[in-house]
């Protein structure tokens, strides 16, 4: 059975890999748990698009991580718009993907939301905040952003 992995599976591969497994293993284990999808021509094209998007967000090496950190340090005007009360308290929360979108809109690099380290409960009302970004094992950066009322 030919499958495309949607998540990393030990001894098989990582997300996006096209694998060949026995029918029972695929039908009874991988497919019901959502770890794989059946490999069709349409699914293969969809996976290629997902892999291209991942490569665009990926930090290639240490020098690239340092370059992205420098871009983040020079970046100004990163604003996240949220709904608030009259006193400035937020309705909801600011998430890492909101910050990644705001960085991109401000002219910064495309970031993966999983590398942004947003402590729980940090953003409770409008104002200026700072979060760390783990770009590489040896390189961490900081993003300064402002939360404003929408």
Protein backbone atom coordinates (compact mmCIF):
# COMPACT_ATOMS: atom_id res chain seq x y z
CA UNK A 1 0.00 0.00 0.00
CA UNK A 2 1.40 3.38 -1.02
CA UNK A 3 0.86 6.12 1.58
CA UNK A 4 1.96 9.68 2.29
CA UNK A 5 2.93 10.37 5.91
CA UNK A 6 1.24 13.33 7.58
CA UNK A 7 3.36 13.07 10.75
CA UNK A 8 6.71 11.61 11.72
CA UNK A 9 6.54 7.86 12.32
CA UNK A 10 9.45 6.03 13.90
CA UNK A 11 11.33 3.74 11.48
CA UNK A 12 9.24 4.96 8.51
CA UNK A 13 9.91 8.64 7.86
CA UNK A 14 8.79 12.19 8.42
CA UNK A 15 5.76 14.15 7.26
CA UNK A 16 5.56 14.35 3.49
CA UNK A 17 7.45 11.12 2.78
CA UNK A 18 5.87 8.69 0.33
CA UNK A 19 6.20 5.17 1.74
CA UNK A 20 5.23 1.62 0.81
CA UNK A 21 3.84 -0.49 3.68
CA UNK A 22 1.87 -3.70 4.03
CA UNK A 23 -1.87 -3.30 3.54
CA UNK A 24 -2.86 -4.29 7.09
CA UNK A 25 -0.39 -1.91 8.76
CA UNK A 26 -1.55 0.99 6.64
CA UNK A 27 -5.27 0.25 6.86
CA UNK A 28 -5.39 -0.70 10.57
CA UNK A 29 -2.74 1.56 12.14
CA UNK A 30 -1.55 4.49 10.03
CA UNK A 31 -4.80 5.60 8.38
CA UNK A 32 -7.13 5.45 11.44
CA UNK A 33 -4.66 7.43 13.57
CA UNK A 34 -4.27 10.13 10.91
CA UNK A 35 -0.56 9.45 10.50
CA UNK A 36 -0.88 8.92 6.74
CA UNK A 37 -3.15 9.43 3.75
CA UNK A 38 -3.53 7.27 0.66
CA UNK A 39 -1.10 8.32 -2.07
CA UNK A 40 -3.02 9.63 -5.06
CA UNK A 41 -1.84 12.01 -7.75
CA UNK A 42 -3.77 14.88 -6.18
CA UNK A 43 -2.43 14.14 -2.72
CA UNK A 44 1.15 14.01 -4.05
CA UNK A 45 0.74 17.46 -5.63
CA UNK A 46 -0.70 18.79 -2.38
CA UNK A 47 2.27 17.40 -0.41
CA UNK A 48 4.70 19.02 -2.88
CA UNK A 49 3.03 22.38 -2.21
CA UNK A 50 3.24 21.87 1.54
CA UNK A 51 6.94 20.93 1.29
CA UNK A 52 7.68 24.06 -0.78
CA UNK A 53 5.99 26.20 1.87
CA UNK A 54 7.99 24.48 4.63
CA UNK A 55 11.25 25.08 2.75
CA UNK A 56 10.42 28.79 2.44
CA UNK A 57 9.95 29.07 6.23
CA UNK A 58 12.89 26.84 7.12
CA UNK A 59 16.12 28.20 8.56
CA UNK A 60 18.79 26.60 6.38
CA UNK A 61 21.97 26.94 8.47
CA UNK A 62 23.71 28.98 11.16
CA UNK A 63 24.54 31.90 8.84
CA UNK A 64 20.97 32.10 7.61
CA UNK A 65 19.74 32.07 11.24
CA UNK A 66 22.05 34.99 12.08
CA UNK A 67 20.81 36.88 9.02
CA UNK A 68 17.17 36.36 10.04
CA UNK A 69 17.98 37.47 13.61
CA UNK A 70 19.54 40.67 12.23
CA UNK A 71 16.40 41.31 10.14
CA UNK A 72 14.20 40.82 13.21
CA UNK A 73 16.32 43.23 15.27
CA UNK A 74 15.99 45.93 12.58
CA UNK A 75 12.25 45.40 12.19
CA UNK A 76 9.90 48.09 13.49
CA UNK A 77 6.17 48.61 13.26
CA UNK A 78 5.08 45.08 14.16
CA UNK A 79 1.50 45.46 15.36
CA UNK A 80 -1.05 42.82 16.29
CA UNK A 81 -4.66 43.98 16.16
CA UNK A 82 -7.11 42.36 18.58
CA UNK A 83 -10.57 43.09 19.92
CA UNK A 84 -10.45 44.79 23.31
CA UNK A 85 -12.69 46.27 25.95
CA UNK A 86 -12.79 50.01 26.71
CA UNK A 87 -10.16 49.51 29.42
CA UNK A 88 -7.73 47.81 27.03
CA UNK A 89 -8.27 44.24 28.21
CA UNK A 90 -8.24 41.65 25.43
CA UNK A 91 -11.19 39.57 24.26
CA UNK A 92 -9.34 36.32 23.56
CA UNK A 93 -5.62 35.97 23.23
CA UNK A 94 -2.63 36.72 21.02
CA UNK A 95 -1.24 33.53 19.46
CA UNK A 96 2.10 32.78 17.86
CA UNK A 97 0.60 32.67 14.38
CA UNK A 98 -0.77 36.21 14.94
CA UNK A 99 2.77 37.37 15.72
CA UNK A 100 4.23 35.54 12.69
CA UNK A 101 1.62 37.19 10.43
CA UNK A 102 2.35 40.62 11.92
CA UNK A 103 6.10 40.17 11.30
CA UNK A 104 5.42 39.25 7.67
CA UNK A 105 3.07 42.25 7.21
CA UNK A 106 5.73 44.57 8.67
CA UNK A 107 8.18 43.46 5.97
CA UNK A 108 10.07 40.89 8.01
CA UNK A 109 11.01 37.32 7.16
CA UNK A 110 8.47 34.49 6.99
CA UNK A 111 8.59 32.67 10.33
CA UNK A 112 7.23 29.33 11.41
CA UNK A 113 4.86 29.85 14.34
CA UNK A 114 6.43 26.94 16.23
CA UNK A 115 9.76 28.74 16.73
CA UNK A 116 8.13 31.71 18.49
CA UNK A 117 8.23 31.27 22.28
CA UNK A 118 5.20 33.06 23.73
CA UNK A 119 4.89 32.52 27.50
CA UNK A 120 1.36 31.72 28.62
CA UNK A 121 -0.40 34.75 30.03
CA UNK A 122 2.16 37.27 28.75
CA UNK A 123 -0.26 39.35 26.67
CA UNK A 124 -3.34 40.38 28.65
CA UNK A 125 -3.92 43.93 27.43
CA UNK A 126 -2.79 46.41 24.81
CA UNK A 127 0.80 47.63 24.90
CA UNK A 128 4.34 46.76 23.84
CA UNK A 129 5.72 43.24 24.31
CA UNK A 130 8.79 41.20 23.45
CA UNK A 131 9.00 37.47 22.67
CA UNK A 132 11.95 35.23 21.88
CA UNK A 133 12.41 33.26 18.67
CA UNK A 134 14.54 30.09 18.55
CA UNK A 135 15.93 30.34 15.00
CA UNK A 136 18.63 27.67 15.36
CA UNK A 137 20.04 25.56 18.16
CA UNK A 138 22.71 28.24 18.74
CA UNK A 139 20.84 31.36 17.61
CA UNK A 140 17.89 33.02 19.34
CA UNK A 141 16.34 36.34 18.45
CA UNK A 142 13.74 38.70 19.86
CA UNK A 143 10.64 40.23 18.33
CA UNK A 144 9.25 43.51 19.65
CA UNK A 145 5.58 43.98 18.86
CA UNK A 146 2.69 46.15 19.88
CA UNK A 147 -0.82 44.96 20.65
CA UNK A 148 -3.42 47.50 19.55
CA UNK A 149 -7.21 47.60 19.61
CA UNK A 150 -8.88 46.65 16.34
